[in-house]
Amino acid sequence: MLFRSWAQVADPAWPDVARVPDHVGGTHLVVTRHALVRQVLADPVTYQPDNALDAVTPMPVTALRVLAGHRFRLPPTLANNSGVSHPQIRAIVAEALHPARVAAQRQWLTALVRDRVARIGAVLDAGTPVDLYADLAADLPLLVLARLVELPDAPVGAVKEFARAALELFWAPLDADRQVALAAEVGRFHRVLRDFAAVGGGLAAELRAAGHPPDVVVGALFFLLVAGQETTSQFLTLLLHRLANEPVVRAGLRTGEVAVADVVEEGLRLEPPIVTWRRVATTESTLGGTQVPAGSSLVLWLGRAGRDPAVVESPDEFRPGQRGSRRHLAFGAGAHRCVGDVLARMEAAVVVAEAAPLLDGVTVLRPPWCPDNLTFRMPDAFVVRRSPGSPG
């Protein structure tokens, strides 16, 4: 269950808190109910985020040596920071992603997406299949983020490969050979981040000016590149796939009866790219009637919390605007709530508004496939073709 939890979100048999073994002999408390997940996220003293970036498959000495050779470190910065430095680091990043700055990117992004949609539509009209992940969604969040925080000048493909390698290295069940290969890829890009952190402008410069050491600047950039853009491109792909199977919703978008913002929220609820997140219990506690010993690893099942019938009227149906739709926890909650939520919503709204008509009359040739992972969906492709005789 741990590594394909998105496939079991609708299973009614799960208790509020379940003890689940992992692939290396450990045990985790999986928290499934919305209220309990929110309770944990809102209590950073009892349940700390220190294990958020720990590798779920302990790394062998060979992989650790590879990372050490690249001087790889991930000090507490954002998602894994329970210390006193977190509020200031978060405030600096939040300023870089301020809603006003995000809104200023909307016109540019709309023009970019509109141009891509026109080209994709022409290809579909010619009867040629299109991969909507590769040709539309994959790099959009990275391009926007680069404009907001002045990211390193690295090829888009290299950044995407690094981000996916990091998501696999730290959150997937792996064998030793794969860990070594991924460690080399992540370590190499870490050098790029380290060089940029020393001289780069934008966010890097702001963190340096606030007195944060180089490792913290690198850690913040690392997290943004992994969680700040890769998860959004994953969500765009998952949402488009969902919309391909929701003709009534698409019809409502065409007539204006369904709001784009409601589609985005319902997508976040039912197709979140981050399906679980972790906390570690600092003291003994009780959660939903279950004893939680100090030191316990908690896996917060965000994807299932979004389908809690105590919160959502029709938990398994894609019904934009329904009661409880916006109460999902796709961005977390509390002191570590995703600082890029406004950015992700803006990007998704633009893609839905501009690209949803592409899905009319298409046949899905290859739905998104997601590899085993504790936390991230990581869809790899979404290939469609226009059905013969369908209007473009």
Protein backbone atom coordinates (compact mmCIF):
# COMPACT_ATOMS: atom_id res chain seq x y z
CA MET A 1 0.00 0.00 0.00
CA LEU A 2 2.68 2.50 0.99
CA PHE A 3 4.13 2.89 -2.48
CA ARG A 4 0.93 2.94 -4.54
CA SER A 5 -1.47 4.61 -2.16
CA TRP A 6 -3.26 6.50 -4.96
CA ALA A 7 -4.68 3.17 -6.10
CA GLN A 8 -6.43 2.58 -2.76
CA VAL A 9 -7.81 5.98 -1.83
CA ALA A 10 -11.42 4.84 -2.26
CA ASP A 11 -11.08 1.58 -0.29
CA PRO A 12 -13.57 1.88 2.62
CA ALA A 13 -11.83 -0.73 4.78
CA TRP A 14 -9.08 1.51 6.14
CA PRO A 15 -9.28 2.52 9.83
CA ASP A 16 -8.58 6.05 10.97
CA VAL A 17 -5.01 5.09 11.93
CA ALA A 18 -3.37 1.91 10.63
CA ARG A 19 -0.02 0.27 11.35
CA VAL A 20 1.59 -0.58 8.01
CA PRO A 21 4.99 -2.28 7.43
CA ASP A 22 7.36 -1.01 4.80
CA HIS A 23 9.74 -2.83 2.46
CA VAL A 24 12.74 -2.66 4.80
CA GLY A 25 11.16 -3.91 8.03
CA GLY A 26 9.99 -0.61 9.46
CA THR A 27 6.47 0.24 10.62
CA HIS A 28 4.51 3.41 10.00
CA LEU A 29 1.25 4.77 11.35
CA VAL A 30 -0.86 5.68 8.34
CA VAL A 31 -3.36 8.43 9.18
CA THR A 32 -6.39 8.39 6.88
CA ARG A 33 -9.08 10.73 8.24
CA HIS A 34 -9.20 14.38 7.25
CA ALA A 35 -9.57 15.69 10.80
CA LEU A 36 -6.67 13.61 12.12
CA VAL A 37 -4.36 14.47 9.22
CA ARG A 38 -5.10 18.13 9.79
CA GLN A 39 -4.56 17.72 13.55
CA VAL A 40 -1.07 16.34 12.96
CA LEU A 41 -0.15 19.03 10.43
CA ALA A 42 -1.36 21.75 12.79
CA ASP A 43 0.77 20.51 15.71
CA PRO A 44 4.46 20.97 14.76
CA VAL A 45 5.56 20.44 18.36
CA THR A 46 4.15 16.94 18.90
CA TYR A 47 4.57 15.90 15.26
CA GLN A 48 7.68 17.34 13.66
CA PRO A 49 8.67 17.39 9.96
CA ASP A 50 12.28 16.32 10.54
CA ASN A 51 11.83 13.06 8.59
CA ALA A 52 10.12 14.66 5.58
CA LEU A 53 13.18 14.30 3.34
CA ASP A 54 14.65 11.10 4.82
CA ALA A 55 15.23 8.40 2.20
CA VAL A 56 12.53 5.75 2.56
CA THR A 57 15.04 3.15 1.36
CA PRO A 58 18.13 3.48 3.57
CA MET A 59 21.07 4.32 1.33
CA PRO A 60 23.98 1.87 1.08
CA VAL A 61 27.50 3.06 1.79
CA THR A 62 28.25 3.12 -1.94
CA ALA A 63 25.46 5.65 -2.62
CA LEU A 64 26.41 7.73 0.43
CA ARG A 65 29.97 7.90 -0.81
CA VAL A 66 28.77 9.16 -4.19
CA LEU A 67 26.75 11.92 -2.51
CA ALA A 68 29.66 12.78 -0.21
CA GLY A 69 31.93 13.06 -3.23
CA HIS A 70 29.63 15.78 -4.53
CA ARG A 71 29.50 17.45 -1.07
CA PHE A 72 25.76 16.82 -1.03
CA ARG A 73 23.87 18.03 2.05
CA LEU A 74 20.23 18.77 2.80
CA PRO A 75 20.12 20.89 5.97
CA PRO A 76 16.74 21.85 7.47
CA THR A 77 15.28 24.59 5.33
CA LEU A 78 11.58 24.33 4.48
CA ALA A 79 9.67 21.03 4.52
CA ASN A 80 12.11 19.32 6.92
CA ASN A 81 12.73 22.25 9.26
CA SER A 82 11.31 22.28 12.79
CA GLY A 83 13.91 24.79 14.02
CA VAL A 84 13.91 28.50 14.71
CA SER A 85 15.25 29.32 11.23
CA HIS A 86 12.11 28.07 9.46
CA PRO A 87 9.89 31.17 9.79
CA GLN A 88 12.48 33.50 8.27
CA ILE A 89 13.44 31.15 5.43
CA ARG A 90 9.77 30.58 4.67
CA ALA A 91 9.05 34.33 4.73
CA ILE A 92 11.80 35.02 2.18
CA VAL A 93 10.55 32.27 -0.13
CA ALA A 94 6.94 33.42 0.35
CA GLU A 95 7.89 36.94 -0.69
CA ALA A 96 9.44 35.58 -3.89
CA LEU A 97 6.17 33.75 -4.58
CA HIS A 98 3.92 36.60 -3.40
CA PRO A 99 0.41 36.49 -4.93
CA ALA A 100 0.99 39.84 -6.65
CA ARG A 101 4.16 38.57 -8.30
CA VAL A 102 2.38 35.36 -9.31
CA ALA A 103 -0.53 37.30 -10.79
CA ALA A 104 1.92 39.35 -12.86
CA GLN A 105 2.99 36.15 -14.65
CA ARG A 106 -0.51 35.18 -15.72
CA GLN A 107 -0.66 37.09 -19.00
CA TRP A 108 2.73 35.75 -20.11
CA LEU A 109 1.80 32.18 -19.14
CA THR A 110 -1.59 32.42 -20.87
CA ALA A 111 0.06 33.47 -24.12
CA LEU A 112 2.57 30.62 -23.87
CA VAL A 113 -0.09 28.00 -23.17
CA ARG A 114 -2.38 29.37 -25.88
CA ASP A 115 0.40 29.07 -28.43
CA ARG A 116 1.14 25.49 -27.39
CA VAL A 117 -2.52 24.56 -27.46
CA ALA A 118 -2.87 25.91 -31.01
CA ARG A 119 0.10 23.85 -32.18
CA ILE A 120 -1.11 20.73 -30.37
CA GLY A 121 -4.60 21.19 -31.82
CA ALA A 122 -3.18 21.30 -35.34
CA VAL A 123 -1.25 18.08 -34.72
CA LEU A 124 -4.35 16.36 -33.34
CA ASP A 125 -6.41 17.57 -36.28
CA ALA A 126 -3.89 15.88 -38.57
CA GLY A 127 -4.57 12.57 -36.81
CA THR A 128 -1.20 12.43 -35.05
CA PRO A 129 -0.97 11.40 -31.38
CA VAL A 130 0.24 13.95 -28.83
CA ASP A 131 1.83 13.48 -25.42
CA LEU A 132 0.18 16.20 -23.33
CA TYR A 133 2.72 15.70 -20.55
CA ALA A 134 5.80 16.22 -22.72
CA ASP A 135 4.31 18.77 -25.14
CA LEU A 136 2.30 20.89 -22.71
CA ALA A 137 2.65 20.29 -18.97
CA ALA A 138 6.17 19.10 -18.22
CA ASP A 139 8.16 22.34 -18.29
CA LEU A 140 5.53 25.03 -17.71
CA PRO A 141 5.93 25.28 -13.92
CA LEU A 142 9.72 25.38 -14.21
CA LEU A 143 9.57 28.22 -16.74
CA VAL A 144 7.28 30.24 -14.47
CA LEU A 145 9.33 29.52 -11.35
CA ALA A 146 12.52 30.58 -13.11
CA ARG A 147 10.97 33.99 -13.81
CA LEU A 148 9.94 34.42 -10.17
CA VAL A 149 13.05 33.32 -8.29
CA GLU A 150 15.88 33.50 -10.87
CA LEU A 151 16.80 29.85 -11.00
CA PRO A 152 20.16 28.51 -12.23
CA ASP A 153 20.75 28.80 -15.95
CA ALA A 154 20.54 25.07 -16.70
CA PRO A 155 18.82 23.27 -19.58
CA VAL A 156 15.18 22.49 -18.82
CA GLY A 157 15.70 18.80 -19.55
CA ALA A 158 18.57 18.58 -17.06
CA VAL A 159 16.52 20.21 -14.32
CA LYS A 160 13.57 17.90 -14.94
CA GLU A 161 15.80 14.83 -14.88
CA PHE A 162 17.37 15.99 -11.63
CA ALA A 163 14.00 16.66 -9.99
CA ARG A 164 12.58 13.27 -10.92
CA ALA A 165 15.81 11.57 -9.84
CA ALA A 166 15.55 13.26 -6.44
CA LEU A 167 11.91 12.22 -6.01
CA GLU A 168 12.89 8.64 -6.77
CA LEU A 169 16.06 8.59 -4.66
CA PHE A 170 14.40 9.84 -1.49
CA TRP A 171 10.85 8.49 -1.76
CA ALA A 172 10.88 5.24 -3.78
CA PRO A 173 11.62 1.58 -2.93
CA LEU A 174 14.96 0.93 -4.64
CA ASP A 175 17.77 -1.54 -5.02
CA ALA A 176 21.37 -0.54 -4.32
CA ASP A 177 22.44 -0.21 -7.95
CA ARG A 178 19.60 2.18 -8.71
CA GLN A 179 20.40 4.22 -5.60
CA VAL A 180 24.01 4.65 -6.71
CA ALA A 181 22.96 5.77 -10.19
CA LEU A 182 20.44 8.25 -8.81
CA ALA A 183 22.90 9.53 -6.22
CA ALA A 184 25.34 10.37 -9.01
CA GLU A 185 22.68 12.31 -10.95
CA VAL A 186 21.41 14.19 -7.90
CA GLY A 187 24.96 14.88 -6.71
CA ARG A 188 26.03 16.33 -10.04
CA PHE A 189 23.17 18.81 -10.10
CA HIS A 190 23.76 19.67 -6.46
CA ARG A 191 27.12 21.07 -7.61
CA VAL A 192 25.25 23.36 -10.03
CA LEU A 193 23.00 24.56 -7.22
CA ARG A 194 25.97 25.11 -4.93
CA ASP A 195 27.76 27.27 -7.50
CA PHE A 196 24.59 29.25 -8.18
CA ALA A 197 23.84 29.71 -4.46
CA ALA A 198 27.16 31.47 -4.04
CA VAL A 199 26.62 34.15 -6.69
CA GLY A 200 23.05 33.93 -8.00
CA GLY A 201 20.52 36.73 -7.78
CA GLY A 202 16.85 36.69 -6.85
CA LEU A 203 15.92 34.29 -4.09
CA ALA A 204 19.50 33.08 -3.60
CA ALA A 205 20.69 36.63 -3.06
CA GLU A 206 17.85 37.35 -0.62
CA LEU A 207 18.73 34.29 1.47
CA ARG A 208 22.41 35.22 1.49
CA ALA A 209 21.60 38.79 2.49
CA ALA A 210 19.59 37.48 5.44
CA GLY A 211 22.70 35.71 6.69
CA HIS A 212 21.83 32.14 5.79
CA PRO A 213 24.83 29.89 5.08
CA PRO A 214 25.44 28.40 1.62
CA ASP A 215 24.01 24.98 2.54
CA VAL A 216 20.69 26.57 3.51
CA VAL A 217 20.53 28.52 0.23
CA VAL A 218 21.23 25.29 -1.67
CA GLY A 219 18.62 23.43 0.39
CA ALA A 220 15.94 26.01 -0.38
CA LEU A 221 16.74 25.92 -4.10
CA PHE A 222 16.75 22.11 -4.02
CA PHE A 223 13.32 22.01 -2.44
CA LEU A 224 11.86 24.55 -4.87
CA LEU A 225 13.17 22.67 -7.88
CA VAL A 226 11.79 19.38 -6.59
CA ALA A 227 8.53 20.40 -4.94
CA GLY A 228 8.03 23.85 -6.42
CA GLN A 229 7.75 22.83 -10.04
CA GLU A 230 7.86 19.06 -10.53
CA THR A 231 4.73 18.45 -8.46
CA THR A 232 2.81 21.08 -10.43
CA SER A 233 3.69 19.55 -13.80
CA GLN A 234 2.56 16.22 -12.36
CA PHE A 235 -0.73 17.77 -11.25
CA LEU A 236 -1.38 19.38 -14.63
CA THR A 237 -0.94 15.98 -16.29
CA LEU A 238 -3.18 14.17 -13.81
CA LEU A 239 -5.85 16.86 -14.05
CA LEU A 240 -5.90 16.83 -17.85
CA HIS A 241 -6.25 13.05 -17.78
CA ARG A 242 -9.12 13.34 -15.34
CA LEU A 243 -10.83 15.95 -17.51
CA ALA A 244 -10.49 13.70 -20.55
CA ASN A 245 -12.89 11.36 -18.76
CA GLU A 246 -15.27 14.09 -17.56
CA PRO A 247 -17.26 15.26 -20.63
CA VAL A 248 -20.00 16.82 -18.49
CA VAL A 249 -17.47 18.98 -16.67
CA ARG A 250 -15.88 20.02 -19.97
CA ALA A 251 -19.30 20.96 -21.31
CA GLY A 252 -19.89 23.07 -18.23
CA LEU A 253 -16.58 24.83 -18.77
CA ARG A 254 -17.62 25.66 -22.34
CA THR A 255 -20.93 27.19 -21.26
CA GLY A 256 -19.56 28.89 -18.17
CA GLU A 257 -21.74 26.84 -15.84
CA VAL A 258 -18.62 25.31 -14.30
CA ALA A 259 -15.94 27.63 -12.93
CA VAL A 260 -12.31 27.00 -13.80
CA ALA A 261 -11.28 27.59 -10.18
CA ASP A 262 -13.73 24.92 -9.00
CA VAL A 263 -12.30 22.44 -11.50
CA VAL A 264 -8.81 23.11 -10.15
CA GLU A 265 -9.90 22.57 -6.53
CA GLU A 266 -11.75 19.37 -7.35
CA GLY A 267 -8.69 18.20 -9.23
CA LEU A 268 -6.47 18.90 -6.24
CA ARG A 269 -8.88 16.96 -4.05
CA LEU A 270 -9.17 13.87 -6.26
CA GLU A 271 -5.84 13.86 -8.14
CA PRO A 272 -3.23 15.39 -5.83
CA PRO A 273 0.34 14.89 -7.03
CA ILE A 274 1.48 14.50 -3.40
CA VAL A 275 -0.55 11.66 -1.92
CA THR A 276 1.20 11.29 1.43
CA TRP A 277 3.49 13.29 3.68
CA ARG A 278 5.46 12.35 6.77
CA ARG A 279 5.87 13.45 10.36
CA VAL A 280 7.71 11.99 13.34
CA ALA A 281 6.18 11.93 16.84
CA THR A 282 8.39 13.73 19.35
CA THR A 283 6.50 12.54 22.43
CA GLU A 284 4.01 9.81 23.22
CA SER A 285 0.51 10.83 22.22
CA THR A 286 -2.92 9.53 21.24
CA LEU A 287 -4.33 10.03 17.77
CA GLY A 288 -7.90 9.00 17.03
CA GLY A 289 -7.82 6.53 19.91
CA THR A 290 -4.51 4.98 18.76
CA GLN A 291 -1.42 5.20 20.94
CA VAL A 292 1.47 6.89 19.16
CA PRO A 293 4.82 6.10 20.80
CA ALA A 294 7.53 8.77 20.71
CA GLY A 295 9.68 8.34 17.63
CA SER A 296 6.87 6.88 15.52
CA SER A 297 6.84 7.59 11.80
CA LEU A 298 3.46 8.95 10.68
CA VAL A 299 2.38 8.78 7.06
CA LEU A 300 -0.37 11.32 6.46
CA TRP A 301 -2.57 10.08 3.64
CA LEU A 302 -3.45 13.39 1.99
CA GLY A 303 -5.09 11.73 -0.99
CA ARG A 304 -7.52 9.76 1.14
CA ALA A 305 -8.22 12.71 3.45
CA GLY A 306 -9.55 14.53 0.38
CA ARG A 307 -12.19 11.81 -0.02
CA ASP A 308 -13.35 11.78 3.59
CA PRO A 309 -17.19 11.56 3.54
CA ALA A 310 -17.27 13.60 6.74
CA VAL A 311 -15.96 16.53 4.69
CA VAL A 312 -17.07 16.03 1.08
CA GLU A 313 -20.63 15.50 -0.10
CA SER A 314 -19.78 13.09 -2.94
CA PRO A 315 -16.21 12.03 -2.14
CA ASP A 316 -15.54 9.84 -5.18
CA GLU A 317 -17.23 12.00 -7.82
CA PHE A 318 -15.64 14.84 -9.79
CA ARG A 319 -18.17 17.55 -9.02
CA PRO A 320 -16.58 21.01 -9.14
CA GLY A 321 -18.01 23.36 -6.53
CA GLN A 322 -19.53 20.64 -4.36
CA ARG A 323 -19.61 21.02 -0.59
CA GLY A 324 -16.21 20.34 0.93
CA SER A 325 -14.32 20.39 -2.36
CA ARG A 326 -11.99 23.17 -1.24
CA ARG A 327 -11.22 21.61 2.13
CA HIS A 328 -8.69 19.18 0.64
CA LEU A 329 -5.18 19.00 2.10
CA ALA A 330 -3.27 18.82 -1.17
CA PHE A 331 -1.10 21.73 0.03
CA GLY A 332 -0.88 20.51 3.60
CA ALA A 333 -1.81 22.75 6.53
CA GLY A 334 -0.26 24.61 9.41
CA ALA A 335 3.20 26.14 9.65
CA HIS A 336 4.51 24.05 6.73
CA ARG A 337 1.61 24.53 4.34
CA CYS A 338 2.90 24.71 0.76
CA VAL A 339 4.22 28.20 0.17
CA GLY A 340 3.59 27.88 -3.57
CA ASP A 341 -0.14 27.13 -3.46
CA VAL A 342 -1.16 30.39 -5.17
CA LEU A 343 1.35 29.74 -7.95
CA ALA A 344 0.19 26.16 -8.52
CA ARG A 345 -3.46 27.23 -8.62
CA MET A 346 -2.73 29.99 -11.12
CA GLU A 347 -0.83 27.65 -13.43
CA ALA A 348 -3.55 25.01 -13.25
CA ALA A 349 -6.29 27.56 -13.91
CA VAL A 350 -4.54 28.80 -17.05
CA VAL A 351 -4.04 25.28 -18.36
CA VAL A 352 -7.65 24.27 -17.69
CA ALA A 353 -9.04 27.42 -19.31
CA GLU A 354 -6.87 27.14 -22.42
CA ALA A 355 -6.34 23.39 -22.87
CA ALA A 356 -9.60 21.73 -21.82
CA PRO A 357 -11.10 22.12 -25.34
CA LEU A 358 -8.24 19.97 -26.71
CA LEU A 359 -9.79 17.01 -24.90
CA ASP A 360 -13.06 17.08 -26.81
CA GLY A 361 -13.29 14.08 -29.11
CA VAL A 362 -9.92 12.56 -28.15
CA THR A 363 -9.11 8.94 -27.43
CA VAL A 364 -6.61 8.20 -24.68
CA LEU A 365 -3.90 6.01 -26.16
CA ARG A 366 -1.69 5.95 -23.08
CA PRO A 367 -2.94 7.11 -19.69
CA PRO A 368 -0.41 8.43 -17.19
CA TRP A 369 1.56 5.66 -15.49
CA CYS A 370 3.04 6.33 -12.07
CA PRO A 371 6.00 4.37 -10.63
CA ASP A 372 6.09 3.10 -7.04
CA ASN A 373 6.65 6.01 -4.67
CA LEU A 374 5.68 6.83 -1.10
CA THR A 375 4.66 10.40 -1.77
CA PHE A 376 4.75 11.54 -5.41
CA ARG A 377 2.66 10.34 -8.36
CA MET A 378 5.27 11.18 -11.07
CA PRO A 379 3.19 10.46 -14.23
CA ASP A 380 5.45 9.87 -17.20
CA ALA A 381 3.22 10.47 -20.24
CA PHE A 382 -0.33 11.17 -21.34
CA VAL A 383 -0.85 10.35 -25.02
CA VAL A 384 -4.07 11.16 -26.86
CA ARG A 385 -5.32 11.14 -30.44
CA ARG A 386 -8.34 12.86 -31.91
CA SER A 387 -11.02 10.40 -32.86
CA PRO A 388 -11.87 10.37 -36.59
CA GLY A 389 -14.68 12.75 -37.42
CA SER A 390 -14.50 14.61 -34.09
CA PRO A 391 -14.63 18.41 -34.24
CA GLY A 392 -11.35 20.13 -33.35
